[in-house]
Protein backbone atom coordinates (compact mmCIF):
# COMPACT_ATOMS: atom_id res chain seq x y z
CA UNK A 1 -37.02 169.66 -120.86
CA UNK A 2 -35.79 173.26 -120.56
CA UNK A 3 -32.00 173.40 -121.06
CA UNK A 4 -31.64 175.99 -118.28
CA UNK A 5 -33.26 173.66 -115.76
CA UNK A 6 -29.89 171.93 -115.52
CA UNK A 7 -28.18 175.10 -114.25
CA UNK A 8 -28.40 175.84 -110.55
CA UNK A 9 -29.67 179.28 -109.47
CA UNK A 10 -27.01 181.91 -108.84
CA UNK A 11 -27.63 182.04 -105.09
CA UNK A 12 -26.83 178.31 -104.82
CA UNK A 13 -23.48 178.78 -106.55
CA UNK A 14 -22.19 181.86 -104.72
CA UNK A 15 -20.93 179.75 -101.81
CA UNK A 16 -18.84 177.62 -104.19
CA UNK A 17 -17.12 179.83 -106.81
CA UNK A 18 -15.45 176.86 -108.47
CA UNK A 19 -18.87 175.64 -109.64
CA UNK A 20 -19.99 178.92 -111.21
CA UNK A 21 -21.29 178.51 -114.77
CA UNK A 22 -20.93 174.69 -114.59
CA UNK A 23 -24.07 172.76 -115.60
CA UNK A 24 -25.91 170.80 -112.96
CA UNK A 25 -26.60 167.27 -114.16
CA UNK A 26 -29.04 165.21 -112.05
CA UNK A 27 -27.53 161.96 -110.78
CA UNK A 28 -30.51 159.93 -112.00
CA UNK A 29 -29.54 160.76 -115.61
CA UNK A 30 -26.42 158.59 -115.41
CA UNK A 31 -25.50 155.14 -114.16
CA UNK A 32 -21.94 153.95 -113.60
CA UNK A 33 -21.20 150.41 -114.74
CA UNK A 34 -19.61 148.49 -111.83
CA UNK A 35 -17.61 146.32 -114.21
CA UNK A 36 -16.03 148.77 -116.71
CA UNK A 37 -16.75 152.08 -114.89
CA UNK A 38 -18.36 153.58 -118.00
CA UNK A 39 -20.96 156.29 -117.48
CA UNK A 40 -24.21 155.27 -119.12
CA UNK A 41 -27.25 157.37 -119.87
CA UNK A 42 -30.12 155.89 -117.88
CA UNK A 43 -32.39 156.02 -120.91
CA UNK A 44 -29.84 154.19 -123.08
CA UNK A 45 -29.37 151.48 -120.44
CA UNK A 46 -33.12 150.99 -120.06
CA UNK A 47 -33.53 150.66 -123.83
CA UNK A 48 -30.76 148.04 -123.76
CA UNK A 49 -32.62 145.98 -121.12
CA UNK A 50 -30.33 147.24 -118.32
CA UNK A 51 -27.21 145.83 -119.98
CA UNK A 52 -24.03 147.91 -120.28
CA UNK A 53 -23.51 149.04 -123.88
CA UNK A 54 -19.72 148.99 -123.39
CA UNK A 55 -18.90 145.70 -121.63
CA UNK A 56 -22.21 143.76 -121.71
CA UNK A 57 -22.50 143.76 -117.91
CA UNK A 58 -26.00 142.65 -116.90
CA UNK A 59 -27.38 144.89 -114.16
CA UNK A 60 -29.69 143.31 -111.61
CA UNK A 61 -33.41 143.63 -112.28
CA UNK A 62 -36.25 143.96 -109.80
CA UNK A 63 -39.02 141.38 -109.92
CA UNK A 64 -41.26 143.88 -111.68
CA UNK A 65 -38.65 144.63 -114.35
CA UNK A 66 -38.01 140.94 -114.98
CA UNK A 67 -41.70 140.17 -115.28
CA UNK A 68 -41.99 142.97 -117.85
CA UNK A 69 -39.12 141.33 -119.74
CA UNK A 70 -40.49 137.77 -119.74
CA UNK A 71 -44.27 137.85 -119.46
CA UNK A 72 -46.53 138.85 -122.33
CA UNK A 73 -47.90 142.35 -121.88
CA UNK A 74 -50.65 142.60 -119.24
CA UNK A 75 -50.79 138.81 -118.86
CA UNK A 76 -49.30 138.41 -115.36
CA UNK A 77 -51.67 137.63 -112.50
CA UNK A 78 -50.01 137.53 -109.08
CA UNK A 79 -50.74 134.76 -106.59
CA UNK A 80 -50.40 134.91 -102.79
CA UNK A 81 -49.57 138.61 -102.72
CA UNK A 82 -50.90 138.76 -99.15
CA UNK A 83 -48.12 136.48 -97.82
CA UNK A 84 -45.41 138.61 -96.21
CA UNK A 85 -42.52 137.90 -93.87
CA UNK A 86 -42.74 138.51 -90.11
CA UNK A 87 -40.33 138.28 -87.20
CA UNK A 88 -41.37 134.76 -86.19
CA UNK A 89 -38.31 134.19 -83.95
CA UNK A 90 -38.30 137.71 -82.45
CA UNK A 91 -34.82 138.21 -83.91
CA UNK A 92 -33.31 141.55 -82.78
CA UNK A 93 -33.48 144.24 -85.48
CA UNK A 94 -35.33 142.04 -87.97
CA UNK A 95 -38.52 144.13 -87.89
CA UNK A 96 -36.58 147.21 -88.99
CA UNK A 97 -34.86 145.27 -91.77
CA UNK A 98 -38.23 144.04 -93.07
CA UNK A 99 -39.68 147.55 -92.90
CA UNK A 100 -36.76 148.91 -94.90
CA UNK A 101 -36.96 146.05 -97.43
CA UNK A 102 -40.66 146.69 -98.03
CA UNK A 103 -39.85 150.16 -99.31
CA UNK A 104 -38.53 148.42 -102.44
CA UNK A 105 -40.63 145.26 -102.73
CA UNK A 106 -43.42 143.42 -100.95
CA UNK A 107 -41.48 140.16 -100.56
CA UNK A 108 -38.32 138.43 -101.79
CA UNK A 109 -40.25 136.50 -104.45
CA UNK A 110 -43.22 137.30 -106.66
CA UNK A 111 -45.24 134.35 -107.95
CA UNK A 112 -48.15 134.05 -110.32
CA UNK A 113 -49.42 133.00 -113.71
CA UNK A 114 -48.79 134.57 -117.11
CA UNK A 115 -48.40 133.78 -120.77
CA UNK A 116 -45.04 133.69 -122.52
CA UNK A 117 -45.32 133.73 -126.28
CA UNK A 118 -49.00 132.96 -125.74
CA UNK A 119 -48.23 129.86 -123.65
CA UNK A 120 -49.79 129.76 -120.19
CA UNK A 121 -47.01 129.43 -117.61
CA UNK A 122 -46.53 129.70 -113.86
CA UNK A 123 -43.66 132.03 -113.01
CA UNK A 124 -41.71 132.89 -109.85
CA UNK A 125 -39.26 135.81 -109.79
CA UNK A 126 -36.95 136.49 -106.86
CA UNK A 127 -36.21 140.13 -106.09
CA UNK A 128 -32.71 141.46 -105.21
CA UNK A 129 -34.32 144.62 -103.80
CA UNK A 130 -35.81 142.65 -100.89
CA UNK A 131 -32.91 141.55 -98.65
CA UNK A 132 -31.05 140.32 -101.76
CA UNK A 133 -33.71 137.73 -102.45
CA UNK A 134 -32.92 135.85 -99.25
CA UNK A 135 -35.02 132.74 -98.63
CA UNK A 136 -37.30 132.92 -95.60
CA UNK A 137 -40.34 130.87 -94.66
CA UNK A 138 -42.68 132.99 -96.78
CA UNK A 139 -40.33 132.70 -99.77
CA UNK A 140 -40.42 128.92 -99.52
CA UNK A 141 -44.19 128.87 -98.98
CA UNK A 142 -44.90 131.02 -102.03
CA UNK A 143 -42.60 128.98 -104.28
CA UNK A 144 -44.07 125.72 -102.96
CA UNK A 145 -47.61 126.95 -103.64
CA UNK A 146 -46.58 128.00 -107.14
CA UNK A 147 -45.30 124.49 -107.92
CA UNK A 148 -48.43 122.93 -106.42
CA UNK A 149 -50.61 125.20 -108.55
CA UNK A 150 -48.59 124.32 -111.66
CA UNK A 151 -48.92 120.61 -110.86
CA UNK A 152 -52.67 120.83 -110.23
CA UNK A 153 -53.25 122.71 -113.50
CA UNK A 154 -50.69 120.74 -115.57
CA UNK A 155 -48.66 123.85 -116.36
CA UNK A 156 -44.93 124.43 -116.91
CA UNK A 157 -43.13 126.68 -114.44
CA UNK A 158 -40.30 129.18 -114.88
CA UNK A 159 -38.34 130.32 -111.82
CA UNK A 160 -35.90 133.26 -111.94
CA UNK A 161 -33.48 133.05 -109.02
CA UNK A 162 -31.40 135.72 -107.33
CA UNK A 163 -30.44 135.17 -103.72
CA UNK A 164 -27.82 135.54 -101.04
CA UNK A 165 -29.10 132.30 -99.52
CA UNK A 166 -31.27 131.31 -96.57
CA UNK A 167 -32.34 134.15 -94.26
CA UNK A 168 -30.36 133.95 -91.01
CA UNK A 169 -33.01 135.88 -89.05
CA UNK A 170 -35.38 132.91 -89.42
CA UNK A 171 -32.85 130.26 -88.44
CA UNK A 172 -33.65 126.60 -89.07
CA UNK A 173 -37.12 127.55 -90.35
CA UNK A 174 -35.51 129.18 -93.40
CA UNK A 175 -33.31 126.13 -94.00
CA UNK A 176 -36.40 123.90 -93.90
CA UNK A 177 -37.59 125.63 -97.08
CA UNK A 178 -34.89 123.77 -99.03
CA UNK A 179 -36.60 120.43 -98.41
CA UNK A 180 -40.09 121.90 -98.69
CA UNK A 181 -39.54 123.45 -102.11
CA UNK A 182 -37.62 120.41 -103.35
CA UNK A 183 -40.57 118.17 -102.48
CA UNK A 184 -42.90 120.39 -104.51
CA UNK A 185 -40.44 120.34 -107.43
CA UNK A 186 -40.35 116.51 -107.29
CA UNK A 187 -44.15 116.20 -107.38
CA UNK A 188 -44.26 118.58 -110.37
CA UNK A 189 -41.60 116.48 -112.11
CA UNK A 190 -43.42 113.21 -111.33
CA UNK A 191 -46.43 114.67 -113.12
CA UNK A 192 -44.31 114.91 -116.28
CA UNK A 193 -44.29 118.73 -116.33
CA UNK A 194 -41.54 121.11 -117.41
CA UNK A 195 -39.52 123.26 -115.00
CA UNK A 196 -37.11 125.88 -116.37
CA UNK A 197 -34.72 127.72 -114.07
CA UNK A 198 -33.14 131.08 -114.95
CA UNK A 199 -30.16 131.85 -112.71
CA UNK A 200 -29.35 135.54 -112.28
CA UNK A 201 -26.61 137.29 -110.33
CA UNK A 202 -26.11 136.21 -107.59
CA UNK A 203 -27.64 132.78 -106.97
CA UNK A 204 -26.04 131.36 -103.83
CA UNK A 205 -26.50 129.46 -100.58
CA UNK A 206 -29.59 127.43 -99.79
CA UNK A 207 -31.37 128.53 -102.95
CA UNK A 208 -28.57 127.05 -105.08
CA UNK A 209 -28.61 123.93 -102.92
CA UNK A 210 -32.31 123.37 -103.53
CA UNK A 211 -34.81 124.49 -106.20
CA UNK A 212 -32.43 126.67 -108.24
CA UNK A 213 -30.46 123.67 -109.49
CA UNK A 214 -33.38 121.26 -109.81
CA UNK A 215 -34.80 122.54 -113.08
CA UNK A 216 -35.22 120.22 -116.06
CA UNK A 217 -33.41 122.94 -118.02
CA UNK A 218 -31.14 125.43 -116.26
CA UNK A 219 -30.32 128.71 -117.99
CA UNK A 220 -28.21 131.57 -116.65
CA UNK A 221 -27.47 135.15 -117.59
CA UNK A 222 -23.84 136.00 -118.49
CA UNK A 223 -21.32 136.36 -115.66
CA UNK A 224 -23.79 135.27 -112.99
CA UNK A 225 -22.33 134.18 -109.66
CA UNK A 226 -23.56 130.62 -109.07
CA UNK A 227 -22.36 129.18 -105.78
CA UNK A 228 -23.17 127.62 -102.44
CA UNK A 229 -20.39 129.28 -100.47
CA UNK A 230 -18.93 132.41 -102.04
CA UNK A 231 -15.39 132.59 -103.45
CA UNK A 232 -14.01 134.59 -100.52
CA UNK A 233 -15.23 131.97 -98.04
CA UNK A 234 -13.68 129.17 -100.10
CA UNK A 235 -10.36 131.00 -100.47
CA UNK A 236 -10.18 131.63 -96.72
CA UNK A 237 -11.02 127.99 -95.98
CA UNK A 238 -8.71 126.38 -98.55
CA UNK A 239 -6.07 129.13 -98.42
CA UNK A 240 -5.70 128.90 -102.17
CA UNK A 241 -6.22 131.44 -104.92
CA UNK A 242 -9.19 130.52 -107.09
CA UNK A 243 -9.40 130.89 -110.90
CA UNK A 244 -10.47 134.33 -112.09
CA UNK A 245 -13.80 133.17 -113.51
CA UNK A 246 -14.52 130.69 -110.67
CA UNK A 247 -18.26 130.23 -109.98
CA UNK A 248 -19.39 132.37 -112.90
CA UNK A 249 -22.17 131.01 -115.09
CA UNK A 250 -19.62 130.46 -117.89
CA UNK A 251 -17.44 128.42 -115.50
CA UNK A 252 -20.28 126.21 -114.22
CA UNK A 253 -21.48 125.72 -117.81
CA UNK A 254 -18.06 124.24 -118.68
CA UNK A 255 -18.36 121.92 -115.68
CA UNK A 256 -21.80 120.71 -116.77
CA UNK A 257 -23.87 122.21 -113.95
CA UNK A 258 -26.09 124.30 -116.21
CA UNK A 259 -27.37 123.94 -119.77
CA UNK A 260 -26.80 127.34 -121.37
CA UNK A 261 -25.71 130.93 -120.78
CA UNK A 262 -28.25 133.19 -122.47
CA UNK A 263 -27.94 136.98 -122.88
CA UNK A 264 -30.89 138.96 -121.59
CA UNK A 265 -31.91 140.06 -125.07
CA UNK A 266 -32.51 136.42 -126.07
CA UNK A 267 -33.91 135.15 -122.78
CA UNK A 268 -37.64 135.29 -123.49
CA UNK A 269 -37.34 133.91 -127.02
CA UNK A 270 -35.20 131.05 -125.70
CA UNK A 271 -37.69 130.16 -122.96
CA UNK A 272 -40.64 130.32 -125.39
CA UNK A 273 -38.76 128.05 -127.82
CA UNK A 274 -38.10 125.54 -125.03
CA UNK A 275 -41.73 125.60 -123.92
CA UNK A 276 -42.86 124.84 -127.49
CA UNK A 277 -40.23 122.12 -127.95
CA UNK A 278 -41.57 120.33 -124.87
CA UNK A 279 -45.18 120.42 -126.02
CA UNK A 280 -46.37 123.19 -123.71
CA UNK A 281 -49.32 125.11 -125.10
CA UNK A 282 -50.24 122.18 -127.36
CA UNK A 283 -47.24 122.58 -129.72
CA UNK A 284 -44.38 120.21 -130.49
């Protein structure tokens, strides 16, 4: 790139003398870490799997980015891409929220089939860019279908969760997805098949209270918020100050709720190792 392309034209600087001769640096070149406030080159952060090189903060990933991280190259085949949310209860303003959300992602979860380390696996990835991965009726339907497909084809399933909980705009119908998905998880388990959950920040509400915590093996990225009700709600209810690391993945690991905290750089290799250990892909 031409060095002088970073300098604004003279006519743009005449109205602000204090900026004369100062280089113009596009905002997209830098990302500020929300944890340590360090300025990170976007290219450096992307090369480091969207993890801060100063404090190891794990930035949130879109469904597409996480699939690129976990699935073998060009192996992912999406299922039920035509299922999208609608305003089934005619909730005021919901249509506009859905329209805005679809600028970033098609739905709050992407489901399909891929290989991981050469092992055929069903995978579901929730997307923070679509209403913070909130669970609506379509979310529950797609996840349920993914488990049913995995059961019918005797395949393991990996689910990456990120969610603010059940979607309030769909009322009781969104809460019903907790039981619906849990039933599909149970049938998959009864078939003797492996289910691995990967909790990412944040995993809360009805998702935590259902399929997120029902995996045979539950992994989590570092410093992930894992909760039903958030810490502020609990503090206001109990009127007590909570521990500093309360509801982080490290905290719930100590309490025995999850099996391991795995850094992003080791996530795929860990999952592949677990798949092989449990005889998936014909290996033991």
